[in-house]
Amino acid sequence: MTNPFDWDYLTSAPVAGEIFGPFSALFLLIFAGGFLASSYLYYRPWTRPVGDYIRRKTVRKSSSIALWVFGAGLFFFLIRLLQINPFTFGNRIWMYLCFLAFLVMVGIFLVRFKAARQEKIQALRAQANNRRRAPQTKPVSRPVRRRTHAR
């Protein structure tokens, strides 16, 4: 087996027997599933468990970024599967770069979602503390009906 990070290996198109290997199957599974999940979350950002912790605007923005990454990966996989090589899009390096973009995207999402979740938890704690500190009963102040004319 050749070195998978060798430049000549990365910039060559795969031959007919190397199209669908274990890495390609894993790549297809991750990117097709990710594309379906991100498209579902884009149109339904309030879905649990994501919608409970994170604002809808954040979910839609994140899922649109994920749609671009997964869509590009599926595009390059389809070029490889059809065994066409326009503008050298069938080279292995494009799938490696898409997988690298996927890993970077997951890292950024984990950091951002953790910060968003902590912010939401802090807001809920502050709201609960304000309710605890509020007086239980307030005196009722009703306007007094005054009669201004004699009967």
C-alpha atoms as a PDB file:
ATOM      1  CA  MET A   1       0.000   0.000   0.000  1.00  0.00           C
ATOM      2  CA  THR A   2       1.245   3.461  -0.804  1.00  0.00           C
ATOM      3  CA  ASN A   3       1.494   6.317   1.637  1.00  0.00           C
ATOM      4  CA  PRO A   4      -1.937   8.015   1.745  1.00  0.00           C
ATOM      5  CA  PHE A   5      -0.302  11.408   2.305  1.00  0.00           C
ATOM      6  CA  ASP A   6       2.151  11.171  -0.577  1.00  0.00           C
ATOM      7  CA  TRP A   7       1.683  14.077  -2.992  1.00  0.00           C
ATOM      8  CA  ASP A   8       1.688  11.863  -6.084  1.00  0.00           C
ATOM      9  CA  TYR A   9      -0.938   9.620  -4.493  1.00  0.00           C
ATOM     10  CA  LEU A  10      -3.134  12.587  -3.508  1.00  0.00           C
ATOM     11  CA  THR A  11      -3.020  14.282  -6.903  1.00  0.00           C
ATOM     12  CA  SER A  12      -3.822  11.178  -8.952  1.00  0.00           C
ATOM     13  CA  ALA A  13      -7.300   9.982  -9.814  1.00  0.00           C
ATOM     14  CA  PRO A  14      -8.218   6.560  -8.406  1.00  0.00           C
ATOM     15  CA  VAL A  15      -8.385   3.622 -10.786  1.00  0.00           C
ATOM     16  CA  ALA A  16     -11.540   1.544 -11.241  1.00  0.00           C
ATOM     17  CA  GLY A  17     -10.738  -0.912  -8.423  1.00  0.00           C
ATOM     18  CA  GLU A  18      -9.989   1.788  -5.840  1.00  0.00           C
ATOM     19  CA  ILE A  19     -13.226   3.761  -6.139  1.00  0.00           C
ATOM     20  CA  PHE A  20     -15.175   2.265  -3.269  1.00  0.00           C
ATOM     21  CA  GLY A  21     -12.870   1.267  -0.413  1.00  0.00           C
ATOM     22  CA  PRO A  22     -13.291   1.418   3.363  1.00  0.00           C
ATOM     23  CA  PHE A  23     -12.373   5.107   3.547  1.00  0.00           C
ATOM     24  CA  SER A  24     -14.828   5.919   0.759  1.00  0.00           C
ATOM     25  CA  ALA A  25     -17.620   3.991   2.478  1.00  0.00           C
ATOM     26  CA  LEU A  26     -16.966   5.797   5.757  1.00  0.00           C
ATOM     27  CA  PHE A  27     -16.756   9.115   3.903  1.00  0.00           C
ATOM     28  CA  LEU A  28     -20.095   8.481   2.189  1.00  0.00           C
ATOM     29  CA  LEU A  29     -21.751   7.413   5.434  1.00  0.00           C
ATOM     30  CA  ILE A  30     -20.570  10.488   7.341  1.00  0.00           C
ATOM     31  CA  PHE A  31     -21.253  13.018   4.614  1.00  0.00           C
ATOM     32  CA  ALA A  32     -24.650  11.659   3.484  1.00  0.00           C
ATOM     33  CA  GLY A  33     -25.835  11.373   7.086  1.00  0.00           C
ATOM     34  CA  GLY A  34     -24.472  14.802   7.915  1.00  0.00           C
ATOM     35  CA  PHE A  35     -26.142  16.332   4.883  1.00  0.00           C
ATOM     36  CA  LEU A  36     -29.509  14.820   5.832  1.00  0.00           C
ATOM     37  CA  ALA A  37     -29.185  15.841   9.495  1.00  0.00           C
ATOM     38  CA  SER A  38     -28.103  19.391   8.725  1.00  0.00           C
ATOM     39  CA  SER A  39     -30.862  19.875   6.151  1.00  0.00           C
ATOM     40  CA  TYR A  40     -33.410  18.605   8.697  1.00  0.00           C
ATOM     41  CA  LEU A  41     -32.087  20.988  11.360  1.00  0.00           C
ATOM     42  CA  TYR A  42     -32.045  23.878   8.904  1.00  0.00           C
ATOM     43  CA  TYR A  43     -35.785  23.579   8.339  1.00  0.00           C
ATOM     44  CA  ARG A  44     -36.634  22.543  11.912  1.00  0.00           C
ATOM     45  CA  PRO A  45     -34.211  24.394  14.226  1.00  0.00           C
ATOM     46  CA  TRP A  46     -36.432  23.936  17.295  1.00  0.00           C
ATOM     47  CA  THR A  47     -36.038  20.136  17.235  1.00  0.00           C
ATOM     48  CA  ARG A  48     -34.863  18.490  20.450  1.00  0.00           C
ATOM     49  CA  PRO A  49     -32.197  18.247  21.870  1.00  0.00           C
ATOM     50  CA  VAL A  50     -30.586  21.032  19.847  1.00  0.00           C
ATOM     51  CA  GLY A  51     -33.530  23.419  20.100  1.00  0.00           C
ATOM     52  CA  ASP A  52     -33.615  23.232  23.900  1.00  0.00           C
ATOM     53  CA  TYR A  53     -30.119  24.574  24.440  1.00  0.00           C
ATOM     54  CA  ILE A  54     -29.362  26.765  21.447  1.00  0.00           C
ATOM     55  CA  ARG A  55     -31.205  29.610  19.755  1.00  0.00           C
ATOM     56  CA  ARG A  56     -32.884  28.959  16.427  1.00  0.00           C
ATOM     57  CA  LYS A  57     -30.771  31.544  14.644  1.00  0.00           C
ATOM     58  CA  THR A  58     -27.586  29.798  15.762  1.00  0.00           C
ATOM     59  CA  VAL A  59     -28.886  26.397  14.668  1.00  0.00           C
ATOM     60  CA  ARG A  60     -29.870  27.693  11.228  1.00  0.00           C
ATOM     61  CA  LYS A  61     -26.535  29.426  10.693  1.00  0.00           C
ATOM     62  CA  SER A  62     -24.584  26.355  11.797  1.00  0.00           C
ATOM     63  CA  SER A  63     -26.643  23.984   9.703  1.00  0.00           C
ATOM     64  CA  SER A  64     -26.217  26.164   6.623  1.00  0.00           C
ATOM     65  CA  ILE A  65     -22.437  25.993   7.078  1.00  0.00           C
ATOM     66  CA  ALA A  66     -22.709  22.233   7.525  1.00  0.00           C
ATOM     67  CA  LEU A  67     -24.793  21.957   4.362  1.00  0.00           C
ATOM     68  CA  TRP A  68     -22.016  23.621   2.372  1.00  0.00           C
ATOM     69  CA  VAL A  69     -19.312  21.356   3.798  1.00  0.00           C
ATOM     70  CA  PHE A  70     -21.323  18.158   3.361  1.00  0.00           C
ATOM     71  CA  GLY A  71     -22.565  19.213  -0.072  1.00  0.00           C
ATOM     72  CA  ALA A  72     -19.033  19.844  -1.308  1.00  0.00           C
ATOM     73  CA  GLY A  73     -17.921  16.472   0.039  1.00  0.00           C
ATOM     74  CA  LEU A  74     -20.799  14.689  -1.682  1.00  0.00           C
ATOM     75  CA  PHE A  75     -20.014  16.543  -4.913  1.00  0.00           C
ATOM     76  CA  PHE A  76     -16.403  15.348  -4.914  1.00  0.00           C
ATOM     77  CA  PHE A  77     -17.501  11.824  -3.979  1.00  0.00           C
ATOM     78  CA  LEU A  78     -19.942  11.797  -6.878  1.00  0.00           C
ATOM     79  CA  ILE A  79     -17.209  12.962  -9.275  1.00  0.00           C
ATOM     80  CA  ARG A  80     -15.015  10.133  -8.002  1.00  0.00           C
ATOM     81  CA  LEU A  81     -17.823   7.587  -8.223  1.00  0.00           C
ATOM     82  CA  LEU A  82     -18.656   8.531 -11.819  1.00  0.00           C
ATOM     83  CA  GLN A  83     -14.941   8.349 -12.675  1.00  0.00           C
ATOM     84  CA  ILE A  84     -14.877  11.658 -14.462  1.00  0.00           C
ATOM     85  CA  ASN A  85     -12.134  14.152 -13.817  1.00  0.00           C
ATOM     86  CA  PRO A  86     -13.128  17.668 -14.885  1.00  0.00           C
ATOM     87  CA  PHE A  87     -10.646  20.270 -13.651  1.00  0.00           C
ATOM     88  CA  THR A  88      -8.958  17.501 -11.582  1.00  0.00           C
ATOM     89  CA  PHE A  89     -11.972  17.281  -9.236  1.00  0.00           C
ATOM     90  CA  GLY A  90     -11.647  13.490  -9.227  1.00  0.00           C
ATOM     91  CA  ASN A  91      -8.311  13.559  -7.390  1.00  0.00           C
ATOM     92  CA  ARG A  92      -8.072  12.124  -3.900  1.00  0.00           C
ATOM     93  CA  ILE A  93      -6.909  15.390  -2.367  1.00  0.00           C
ATOM     94  CA  TRP A  94     -10.389  16.915  -2.627  1.00  0.00           C
ATOM     95  CA  MET A  95     -11.912  14.204  -0.453  1.00  0.00           C
ATOM     96  CA  TYR A  96      -9.102  14.620   2.066  1.00  0.00           C
ATOM     97  CA  LEU A  97      -9.667  18.376   2.149  1.00  0.00           C
ATOM     98  CA  CYS A  98     -13.414  17.903   2.603  1.00  0.00           C
ATOM     99  CA  PHE A  99     -12.768  15.535   5.496  1.00  0.00           C
ATOM    100  CA  LEU A 100     -10.383  18.095   7.011  1.00  0.00           C
ATOM    101  CA  ALA A 101     -13.066  20.786   6.607  1.00  0.00           C
ATOM    102  CA  PHE A 102     -15.505  18.444   8.376  1.00  0.00           C
ATOM    103  CA  LEU A 103     -13.129  18.017  11.324  1.00  0.00           C
ATOM    104  CA  VAL A 104     -12.538  21.786  11.582  1.00  0.00           C
ATOM    105  CA  MET A 105     -16.301  22.407  11.388  1.00  0.00           C
ATOM    106  CA  VAL A 106     -16.996  19.913  14.178  1.00  0.00           C
ATOM    107  CA  GLY A 107     -14.324  21.512  16.371  1.00  0.00           C
ATOM    108  CA  ILE A 108     -15.718  25.004  15.860  1.00  0.00           C
ATOM    109  CA  PHE A 109     -19.280  23.818  16.495  1.00  0.00           C
ATOM    110  CA  LEU A 110     -18.305  22.102  19.730  1.00  0.00           C
ATOM    111  CA  VAL A 111     -16.642  25.250  21.053  1.00  0.00           C
ATOM    112  CA  ARG A 112     -19.515  27.516  19.984  1.00  0.00           C
ATOM    113  CA  PHE A 113     -22.289  25.213  21.192  1.00  0.00           C
ATOM    114  CA  LYS A 114     -20.579  24.773  24.544  1.00  0.00           C
ATOM    115  CA  ALA A 115     -20.411  28.554  24.963  1.00  0.00           C
ATOM    116  CA  ALA A 116     -24.043  28.953  23.861  1.00  0.00           C
ATOM    117  CA  ARG A 117     -25.170  26.249  26.275  1.00  0.00           C
ATOM    118  CA  GLN A 118     -23.292  27.856  29.164  1.00  0.00           C
ATOM    119  CA  GLU A 119     -24.884  31.202  28.307  1.00  0.00           C
ATOM    120  CA  LYS A 120     -28.350  29.648  28.273  1.00  0.00           C
ATOM    121  CA  ILE A 121     -27.741  27.894  31.605  1.00  0.00           C
ATOM    122  CA  GLN A 122     -26.526  31.151  33.166  1.00  0.00           C
ATOM    123  CA  ALA A 123     -29.645  32.932  31.930  1.00  0.00           C
ATOM    124  CA  LEU A 124     -31.889  30.231  33.392  1.00  0.00           C
ATOM    125  CA  ARG A 125     -30.046  30.380  36.729  1.00  0.00           C
ATOM    126  CA  ALA A 126     -30.375  34.167  36.845  1.00  0.00           C
ATOM    127  CA  GLN A 127     -34.059  33.884  36.078  1.00  0.00           C
ATOM    128  CA  ALA A 128     -34.516  31.309  38.848  1.00  0.00           C
ATOM    129  CA  ASN A 129     -32.589  33.495  41.319  1.00  0.00           C
ATOM    130  CA  ASN A 130     -34.771  36.489  40.480  1.00  0.00           C
ATOM    131  CA  ARG A 131     -37.892  34.435  41.129  1.00  0.00           C
ATOM    132  CA  ARG A 132     -36.544  33.253  44.475  1.00  0.00           C
ATOM    133  CA  ARG A 133     -35.687  36.753  45.626  1.00  0.00           C
ATOM    134  CA  ALA A 134     -39.019  38.256  44.612  1.00  0.00           C
ATOM    135  CA  PRO A 135     -41.561  38.711  47.407  1.00  0.00           C
ATOM    136  CA  GLN A 136     -44.112  35.946  47.585  1.00  0.00           C
ATOM    137  CA  THR A 137     -47.169  38.145  47.935  1.00  0.00           C
ATOM    138  CA  LYS A 138     -47.545  41.745  47.013  1.00  0.00           C
ATOM    139  CA  PRO A 139     -50.016  44.033  48.724  1.00  0.00           C
ATOM    140  CA  VAL A 140     -53.005  44.646  46.544  1.00  0.00           C
ATOM    141  CA  SER A 141     -53.493  48.290  45.770  1.00  0.00           C
ATOM    142  CA  ARG A 142     -56.961  48.850  44.477  1.00  0.00           C
ATOM    143  CA  PRO A 143     -58.304  52.265  43.768  1.00  0.00           C
ATOM    144  CA  VAL A 144     -60.735  53.448  46.378  1.00  0.00           C
ATOM    145  CA  ARG A 145     -64.118  54.326  45.011  1.00  0.00           C
ATOM    146  CA  ARG A 146     -65.023  57.762  46.205  1.00  0.00           C
ATOM    147  CA  ARG A 147     -68.417  59.230  45.953  1.00  0.00           C
ATOM    148  CA  THR A 148     -68.295  62.794  44.977  1.00  0.00           C
ATOM    149  CA  HIS A 149     -71.935  63.654  45.082  1.00  0.00           C
ATOM    150  CA  ALA A 150     -74.449  63.297  47.864  1.00  0.00           C
ATOM    151  CA  ARG A 151     -77.525  61.183  47.560  1.00  0.00           C
END
